[in-house]
PDB file of N, CA and C in Angstrom:
ATOM      1  N   MET A   1     123.756 109.257  63.764  1.00  0.00           N
ATOM      2  CA  MET A   1     122.285 109.916  64.112  1.00  0.00           C
ATOM      3  C   MET A   1     122.894 111.118  64.933  1.00  0.00           C
ATOM      4  N   GLN A   2     121.879 112.397  64.199  1.00  0.00           N
ATOM      5  CA  GLN A   2     122.227 113.583  64.810  1.00  0.00           C
ATOM      6  C   GLN A   2     121.074 113.874  65.908  1.00  0.00           C
ATOM      7  N   ALA A   3     121.233 114.698  67.161  1.00  0.00           N
ATOM      8  CA  ALA A   3     120.433 114.935  67.861  1.00  0.00           C
ATOM      9  C   ALA A   3     119.290 116.127  67.462  1.00  0.00           C
ATOM     10  N   ASN A   4     117.969 116.187  67.544  1.00  0.00           N
ATOM     11  CA  ASN A   4     116.920 117.086  67.254  1.00  0.00           C
ATOM     12  C   ASN A   4     117.265 118.029  67.769  1.00  0.00           C
ATOM     13  N   PRO A   5     117.560 119.194  67.134  1.00  0.00           N
ATOM     14  CA  PRO A   5     117.878 120.691  67.435  1.00  0.00           C
ATOM     15  C   PRO A   5     116.857 121.042  68.176  1.00  0.00           C
ATOM     16  N   ASN A   6     115.344 120.602  67.912  1.00  0.00           N
ATOM     17  CA  ASN A   6     114.483 121.240  68.757  1.00  0.00           C
ATOM     18  C   ASN A   6     114.105 120.713  69.922  1.00  0.00           C
ATOM     19  N   PHE A   7     114.705 119.628  70.309  1.00  0.00           N
ATOM     20  CA  PHE A   7     114.561 119.126  71.659  1.00  0.00           C
ATOM     21  C   PHE A   7     114.500 119.967  72.861  1.00  0.00           C
ATOM     22  N   LYS A   8     113.765 119.639  73.706  1.00  0.00           N
ATOM     23  CA  LYS A   8     113.317 120.726  75.030  1.00  0.00           C
ATOM     24  C   LYS A   8     113.084 119.674  76.025  1.00  0.00           C
ATOM     25  N   PRO A   9     114.230 119.589  77.158  1.00  0.00           N
ATOM     26  CA  PRO A   9     114.012 118.642  78.401  1.00  0.00           C
ATOM     27  C   PRO A   9     112.671 119.049  79.183  1.00  0.00           C
ATOM     28  N   ILE A  10     112.311 118.206  79.678  1.00  0.00           N
ATOM     29  CA  ILE A  10     111.171 118.478  80.683  1.00  0.00           C
ATOM     30  C   ILE A  10     111.405 118.069  82.389  1.00  0.00           C
ATOM     31  N   GLU A  11     110.828 118.662  83.103  1.00  0.00           N
ATOM     32  CA  GLU A  11     110.989 118.022  84.457  1.00  0.00           C
ATOM     33  C   GLU A  11     109.525 117.626  85.126  1.00  0.00           C
ATOM     34  N   LEU A  12     109.900 116.387  85.373  1.00  0.00           N
ATOM     35  CA  LEU A  12     108.424 115.709  85.860  1.00  0.00           C
ATOM     36  C   LEU A  12     108.391 116.002  87.013  1.00  0.00           C
ATOM     37  N   TYR A  13     107.149 116.536  87.891  1.00  0.00           N
ATOM     38  CA  TYR A  13     106.901 116.513  89.178  1.00  0.00           C
ATOM     39  C   TYR A  13     106.601 115.265  89.835  1.00  0.00           C
ATOM     40  N   GLY A  14     106.718 114.972  91.004  1.00  0.00           N
ATOM     41  CA  GLY A  14     106.452 113.840  91.728  1.00  0.00           C
ATOM     42  C   GLY A  14     106.643 113.923  93.098  1.00  0.00           C
ATOM     43  N   ASP A  15     106.962 112.648  93.670  1.00  0.00           N
ATOM     44  CA  ASP A  15     107.347 112.593  94.981  1.00  0.00           C
ATOM     45  C   ASP A  15     109.084 112.462  95.071  1.00  0.00           C
ATOM     46  N   HIS A  16     109.423 113.930  95.450  1.00  0.00           N
ATOM     47  CA  HIS A  16     110.759 114.622  95.583  1.00  0.00           C
ATOM     48  C   HIS A  16     111.350 114.423  96.924  1.00  0.00           C
ATOM     49  N   LEU A  17     110.624 113.487  97.802  1.00  0.00           N
ATOM     50  CA  LEU A  17     111.371 113.345  99.087  1.00  0.00           C
ATOM     51  C   LEU A  17     112.425 112.971  99.167  1.00  0.00           C
ATOM     52  N   GLN A  18     113.296 113.411  99.954  1.00  0.00           N
ATOM     53  CA  GLN A  18     114.749 112.954 100.009  1.00  0.00           C
ATOM     54  C   GLN A  18     115.031 111.430 100.464  1.00  0.00           C
ATOM     55  N   GLY A  19     115.483 110.713  99.500  1.00  0.00           N
ATOM     56  CA  GLY A  19     115.480 109.312  99.577  1.00  0.00           C
ATOM     57  C   GLY A  19     114.744 108.363  99.103  1.00  0.00           C
ATOM     58  N   GLY A  20     113.627 108.984  98.405  1.00  0.00           N
ATOM     59  CA  GLY A  20     112.620 108.600  97.428  1.00  0.00           C
ATOM     60  C   GLY A  20     112.917 107.716  96.361  1.00  0.00           C
ATOM     61  N   ARG A  21     114.220 108.391  95.658  1.00  0.00           N
ATOM     62  CA  ARG A  21     114.749 107.828  94.725  1.00  0.00           C
ATOM     63  C   ARG A  21     113.803 108.012  93.389  1.00  0.00           C
ATOM     64  N   PHE A  22     112.995 108.999  93.316  1.00  0.00           N
ATOM     65  CA  PHE A  22     112.170 109.376  92.034  1.00  0.00           C
ATOM     66  C   PHE A  22     112.698 109.278  90.864  1.00  0.00           C
ATOM     67  N   GLY A  23     112.448 108.423  89.857  1.00  0.00           N
ATOM     68  CA  GLY A  23     113.157 108.468  88.400  1.00  0.00           C
ATOM     69  C   GLY A  23     113.959 107.308  88.511  1.00  0.00           C
ATOM     70  N   THR A  24     114.351 106.334  89.433  1.00  0.00           N
ATOM     71  CA  THR A  24     115.063 105.422  89.268  1.00  0.00           C
ATOM     72  C   THR A  24     114.830 104.380  88.071  1.00  0.00           C
ATOM     73  N   ALA A  25     113.407 104.521  87.731  1.00  0.00           N
ATOM     74  CA  ALA A  25     113.131 103.635  86.760  1.00  0.00           C
ATOM     75  C   ALA A  25     112.038 104.294  85.868  1.00  0.00           C
ATOM     76  N   ILE A  26     112.276 104.441  84.840  1.00  0.00           N
ATOM     77  CA  ILE A  26     110.949 104.825  83.789  1.00  0.00           C
ATOM     78  C   ILE A  26     110.757 104.059  82.715  1.00  0.00           C
ATOM     79  N   ALA A  27     109.468 104.020  82.368  1.00  0.00           N
ATOM     80  CA  ALA A  27     108.938 103.142  81.417  1.00  0.00           C
ATOM     81  C   ALA A  27     107.652 103.599  80.332  1.00  0.00           C
ATOM     82  N   GLY A  28     107.782 103.361  79.270  1.00  0.00           N
ATOM     83  CA  GLY A  28     106.670 103.705  78.465  1.00  0.00           C
ATOM     84  C   GLY A  28     105.471 102.564  78.739  1.00  0.00           C
ATOM     85  N   ALA A  29     104.547 103.198  78.866  1.00  0.00           N
ATOM     86  CA  ALA A  29     103.012 102.347  79.442  1.00  0.00           C
ATOM     87  C   ALA A  29     102.248 102.063  78.395  1.00  0.00           C
ATOM     88  N   GLY A  30     102.846 102.765  77.291  1.00  0.00           N
ATOM     89  CA  GLY A  30     101.379 102.509  76.261  1.00  0.00           C
ATOM     90  C   GLY A  30     100.370 103.732  76.094  1.00  0.00           C
ATOM     91  N   ASP A  31      99.116 103.552  75.652  1.00  0.00           N
ATOM     92  CA  ASP A  31      98.184 104.407  75.887  1.00  0.00           C
ATOM     93  C   ASP A  31      97.093 104.062  77.296  1.00  0.00           C
ATOM     94  N   LEU A  32      97.437 104.328  78.238  1.00  0.00           N
ATOM     95  CA  LEU A  32      96.941 104.027  79.531  1.00  0.00           C
ATOM     96  C   LEU A  32      95.517 104.488  79.616  1.00  0.00           C
ATOM     97  N   ASN A  33      95.117 105.811  79.346  1.00  0.00           N
ATOM     98  CA  ASN A  33      94.208 106.598  79.456  1.00  0.00           C
ATOM     99  C   ASN A  33      93.163 106.547  77.877  1.00  0.00           C
ATOM    100  N   LYS A  34      93.600 105.463  76.671  1.00  0.00           N
ATOM    101  CA  LYS A  34      92.842 105.486  75.599  1.00  0.00           C
ATOM    102  C   LYS A  34      92.697 107.005  75.123  1.00  0.00           C
ATOM    103  N   ASP A  35      93.551 107.868  75.234  1.00  0.00           N
ATOM    104  CA  ASP A  35      93.363 109.071  74.231  1.00  0.00           C
ATOM    105  C   ASP A  35      94.147 109.378  73.089  1.00  0.00           C
ATOM    106  N   GLY A  36      94.879 108.273  72.488  1.00  0.00           N
ATOM    107  CA  GLY A  36      95.779 108.001  71.582  1.00  0.00           C
ATOM    108  C   GLY A  36      96.919 108.565  71.514  1.00  0.00           C
ATOM    109  N   PHE A  37      97.445 108.948  72.660  1.00  0.00           N
ATOM    110  CA  PHE A  37      98.849 109.396  72.850  1.00  0.00           C
ATOM    111  C   PHE A  37      99.696 108.433  74.125  1.00  0.00           C
ATOM    112  N   ASN A  38     100.583 108.073  74.117  1.00  0.00           N
ATOM    113  CA  ASN A  38     101.376 106.983  75.062  1.00  0.00           C
ATOM    114  C   ASN A  38     101.806 107.862  76.124  1.00  0.00           C
ATOM    115  N   ASP A  39     101.738 106.972  76.976  1.00  0.00           N
ATOM    116  CA  ASP A  39     101.711 107.648  78.522  1.00  0.00           C
ATOM    117  C   ASP A  39     103.290 106.972  79.292  1.00  0.00           C
ATOM    118  N   ILE A  40     103.809 107.449  80.407  1.00  0.00           N
ATOM    119  CA  ILE A  40     104.776 106.950  80.674  1.00  0.00           C
ATOM    120  C   ILE A  40     104.737 106.530  82.398  1.00  0.00           C
ATOM    121  N   ILE A  41     105.441 105.673  83.201  1.00  0.00           N
ATOM    122  CA  ILE A  41     105.393 105.323  84.429  1.00  0.00           C
ATOM    123  C   ILE A  41     106.863 105.591  85.134  1.00  0.00           C
ATOM    124  N   VAL A  42     106.756 106.157  86.127  1.00  0.00           N
ATOM    125  CA  VAL A  42     108.190 106.609  86.772  1.00  0.00           C
ATOM    126  C   VAL A  42     108.043 106.038  88.306  1.00  0.00           C
ATOM    127  N   GLY A  43     109.168 105.204  88.828  1.00  0.00           N
ATOM    128  CA  GLY A  43     109.062 104.584  89.859  1.00  0.00           C
ATOM    129  C   GLY A  43     109.936 105.501  90.933  1.00  0.00           C
ATOM    130  N   ALA A  44     109.696 105.329  92.012  1.00  0.00           N
ATOM    131  CA  ALA A  44     110.209 105.748  93.260  1.00  0.00           C
ATOM    132  C   ALA A  44     110.376 104.678  94.290  1.00  0.00           C
ATOM    133  N   PRO A  45     110.911 103.949  94.197  1.00  0.00           N
ATOM    134  CA  PRO A  45     111.345 102.612  94.933  1.00  0.00           C
ATOM    135  C   PRO A  45     111.342 102.836  96.372  1.00  0.00           C
ATOM    136  N   MET A  46     111.900 103.625  97.054  1.00  0.00           N
ATOM    137  CA  MET A  46     112.160 104.165  98.297  1.00  0.00           C
ATOM    138  C   MET A  46     111.040 104.926  98.939  1.00  0.00           C
ATOM    139  N   SER A  47     110.206 105.370  98.247  1.00  0.00           N
ATOM    140  CA  SER A  47     109.295 106.324  98.811  1.00  0.00           C
ATOM    141  C   SER A  47     108.295 105.770  99.724  1.00  0.00           C
ATOM    142  N   GLU A  48     107.286 106.171 100.100  1.00  0.00           N
ATOM    143  CA  GLU A  48     106.162 105.551 100.927  1.00  0.00           C
ATOM    144  C   GLU A  48     106.926 104.858 102.012  1.00  0.00           C
ATOM    145  N   ASN A  49     107.806 105.334 102.834  1.00  0.00           N
ATOM    146  CA  ASN A  49     108.509 104.541 103.843  1.00  0.00           C
ATOM    147  C   ASN A  49     109.174 103.558 103.364  1.00  0.00           C
ATOM    148  N   ASP A  50     109.842 103.242 102.365  1.00  0.00           N
ATOM    149  CA  ASP A  50     110.701 102.528 101.687  1.00  0.00           C
ATOM    150  C   ASP A  50     109.649 101.010 101.178  1.00  0.00           C
ATOM    151  N   ARG A  51     108.429 101.575 100.725  1.00  0.00           N
ATOM    152  CA  ARG A  51     107.395 100.659 100.428  1.00  0.00           C
ATOM    153  C   ARG A  51     107.491 100.575  98.680  1.00  0.00           C
ATOM    154  N   GLY A  52     107.800 102.030  98.322  1.00  0.00           N
ATOM    155  CA  GLY A  52     107.716 102.211  96.940  1.00  0.00           C
ATOM    156  C   GLY A  52     106.376 102.628  96.057  1.00  0.00           C
ATOM    157  N   ALA A  53     106.564 103.440  94.940  1.00  0.00           N
ATOM    158  CA  ALA A  53     105.472 103.814  94.451  1.00  0.00           C
ATOM    159  C   ALA A  53     105.803 103.993  93.060  1.00  0.00           C
ATOM    160  N   VAL A  54     104.781 103.920  92.170  1.00  0.00           N
ATOM    161  CA  VAL A  54     104.733 104.287  90.597  1.00  0.00           C
ATOM    162  C   VAL A  54     103.848 105.381  90.592  1.00  0.00           C
ATOM    163  N   PHE A  55     104.701 106.493  89.648  1.00  0.00           N
ATOM    164  CA  PHE A  55     103.586 107.468  89.264  1.00  0.00           C
ATOM    165  C   PHE A  55     103.392 107.392  87.982  1.00  0.00           C
ATOM    166  N   VAL A  56     102.241 107.842  87.414  1.00  0.00           N
ATOM    167  CA  VAL A  56     101.770 107.583  86.116  1.00  0.00           C
ATOM    168  C   VAL A  56     101.307 109.073  85.208  1.00  0.00           C
ATOM    169  N   TYR A  57     101.971 109.177  84.338  1.00  0.00           N
ATOM    170  CA  TYR A  57     102.116 110.516  83.847  1.00  0.00           C
ATOM    171  C   TYR A  57     101.492 110.279  82.130  1.00  0.00           C
ATOM    172  N   HIS A  58     100.523 110.952  81.916  1.00  0.00           N
ATOM    173  CA  HIS A  58      99.774 111.157  80.563  1.00  0.00           C
ATOM    174  C   HIS A  58     100.435 111.905  79.334  1.00  0.00           C
ATOM    175  N   GLY A  59     100.322 111.065  78.494  1.00  0.00           N
ATOM    176  CA  GLY A  59     101.027 111.643  77.226  1.00  0.00           C
ATOM    177  C   GLY A  59      99.936 112.695  76.371  1.00  0.00           C
ATOM    178  N   SER A  60     100.102 113.781  75.430  1.00  0.00           N
ATOM    179  CA  SER A  60      99.385 114.606  74.863  1.00  0.00           C
ATOM    180  C   SER A  60      99.837 114.855  73.476  1.00  0.00           C
ATOM    181  N   ALA A  61      99.339 115.515  72.573  1.00  0.00           N
ATOM    182  CA  ALA A  61      99.544 116.185  71.511  1.00  0.00           C
ATOM    183  C   ALA A  61     100.942 117.372  71.843  1.00  0.00           C
ATOM    184  N   ASN A  62     101.122 117.817  72.728  1.00  0.00           N
ATOM    185  CA  ASN A  62     102.115 118.611  73.397  1.00  0.00           C
ATOM    186  C   ASN A  62     103.018 117.901  74.247  1.00  0.00           C
ATOM    187  N   GLY A  63     103.297 116.741  74.282  1.00  0.00           N
ATOM    188  CA  GLY A  63     104.526 115.870  74.847  1.00  0.00           C
ATOM    189  C   GLY A  63     103.510 115.365  76.264  1.00  0.00           C
ATOM    190  N   ILE A  64     104.435 114.743  77.200  1.00  0.00           N
ATOM    191  CA  ILE A  64     104.152 114.344  78.355  1.00  0.00           C
ATOM    192  C   ILE A  64     103.667 115.403  79.256  1.00  0.00           C
ATOM    193  N   ASP A  65     102.602 115.197  80.000  1.00  0.00           N
ATOM    194  CA  ASP A  65     102.253 116.065  80.997  1.00  0.00           C
ATOM    195  C   ASP A  65     103.150 116.150  82.250  1.00  0.00           C
ATOM    196  N   VAL A  66     103.577 117.160  82.725  1.00  0.00           N
ATOM    197  CA  VAL A  66     104.693 117.358  83.739  1.00  0.00           C
ATOM    198  C   VAL A  66     104.086 116.978  85.252  1.00  0.00           C
ATOM    199  N   MET A  67     103.007 116.742  85.329  1.00  0.00           N
ATOM    200  CA  MET A  67     101.776 116.477  86.533  1.00  0.00           C
ATOM    201  C   MET A  67     101.525 115.408  86.618  1.00  0.00           C
ATOM    202  N   PHE A  68     101.676 114.317  87.367  1.00  0.00           N
ATOM    203  CA  PHE A  68     101.578 112.881  87.422  1.00  0.00           C
ATOM    204  C   PHE A  68      99.614 112.837  87.765  1.00  0.00           C
ATOM    205  N   LYS A  69      98.959 112.094  87.122  1.00  0.00           N
ATOM    206  CA  LYS A  69      98.011 111.820  86.919  1.00  0.00           C
ATOM    207  C   LYS A  69      97.346 110.871  88.118  1.00  0.00           C
ATOM    208  N   GLN A  70      98.426 110.076  88.438  1.00  0.00           N
ATOM    209  CA  GLN A  70      98.206 108.870  89.342  1.00  0.00           C
ATOM    210  C   GLN A  70      99.476 108.364  90.411  1.00  0.00           C
ATOM    211  N   VAL A  71      99.217 107.954  91.536  1.00  0.00           N
ATOM    212  CA  VAL A  71     100.292 107.281  92.229  1.00  0.00           C
ATOM    213  C   VAL A  71      99.823 106.003  92.474  1.00  0.00           C
ATOM    214  N   CYS A  72     100.230 104.916  92.276  1.00  0.00           N
ATOM    215  CA  CYS A  72     100.205 103.505  92.673  1.00  0.00           C
ATOM    216  C   CYS A  72     101.234 103.437  93.462  1.00  0.00           C
ATOM    217  N   SER A  73     100.853 103.007  95.411  1.00  0.00           N
ATOM    218  CA  SER A  73     101.795 103.011  96.334  1.00  0.00           C
ATOM    219  C   SER A  73     101.362 101.301  97.043  1.00  0.00           C
ATOM    220  N   CYS A  74     102.643 101.250  97.722  1.00  0.00           N
ATOM    221  CA  CYS A  74     102.171  99.797  98.154  1.00  0.00           C
ATOM    222  C   CYS A  74     101.698  99.903  99.695  1.00  0.00           C
ATOM    223  N   HIS A  75     100.475  99.488 100.170  1.00  0.00           N
ATOM    224  CA  HIS A  75     100.421  99.685 101.414  1.00  0.00           C
ATOM    225  C   HIS A  75     100.300  98.766 102.294  1.00  0.00           C
ATOM    226  N   ILE A  76     100.615  97.463 101.722  1.00  0.00           N
ATOM    227  CA  ILE A  76     100.759  96.234 102.385  1.00  0.00           C
ATOM    228  C   ILE A  76     101.949  95.493 102.434  1.00  0.00           C
ATOM    229  N   TRP A  77     102.536  95.205 103.472  1.00  0.00           N
ATOM    230  CA  TRP A  77     104.105  94.431 103.404  1.00  0.00           C
ATOM    231  C   TRP A  77     103.905  93.161 103.772  1.00  0.00           C
ATOM    232  N   ARG A  78     104.229  92.143 102.880  1.00  0.00           N
ATOM    233  CA  ARG A  78     104.044  91.038 103.275  1.00  0.00           C
ATOM    234  C   ARG A  78     105.700  90.277 103.146  1.00  0.00           C
ATOM    235  N   ASN A  79     106.076  89.246 103.626  1.00  0.00           N
ATOM    236  CA  ASN A  79     107.281  88.636 103.460  1.00  0.00           C
ATOM    237  C   ASN A  79     107.040  87.569 102.870  1.00  0.00           C
ATOM    238  N   PHE A  80     107.434  87.379 101.460  1.00  0.00           N
ATOM    239  CA  PHE A  80     106.992  86.061 100.890  1.00  0.00           C
ATOM    240  C   PHE A  80     108.150  85.414 100.745  1.00  0.00           C
ATOM    241  N   VAL A  81     108.271  83.952 101.628  1.00  0.00           N
ATOM    242  CA  VAL A  81     109.698  83.611 101.582  1.00  0.00           C
ATOM    243  C   VAL A  81     109.336  82.157 100.899  1.00  0.00           C
TER     244      VAL A  81
END
């Protein structure tokens, strides 16, 4: 397989706080906003005071929008033993 010569990398903007580990996990999320384009989610497990957060990025005809549209963070900490 040969790489696409038209490929251009992008930089996603999110929680770039030192130690947040933004981008540790990245996954396709399907079409969350029902606009016909696939969206992605990006994890930052150590952000929000080590509680973690997930950033949602919407897809479009031009590719992935580099600015996040939603942040899902954990505000409650419970110890499930």
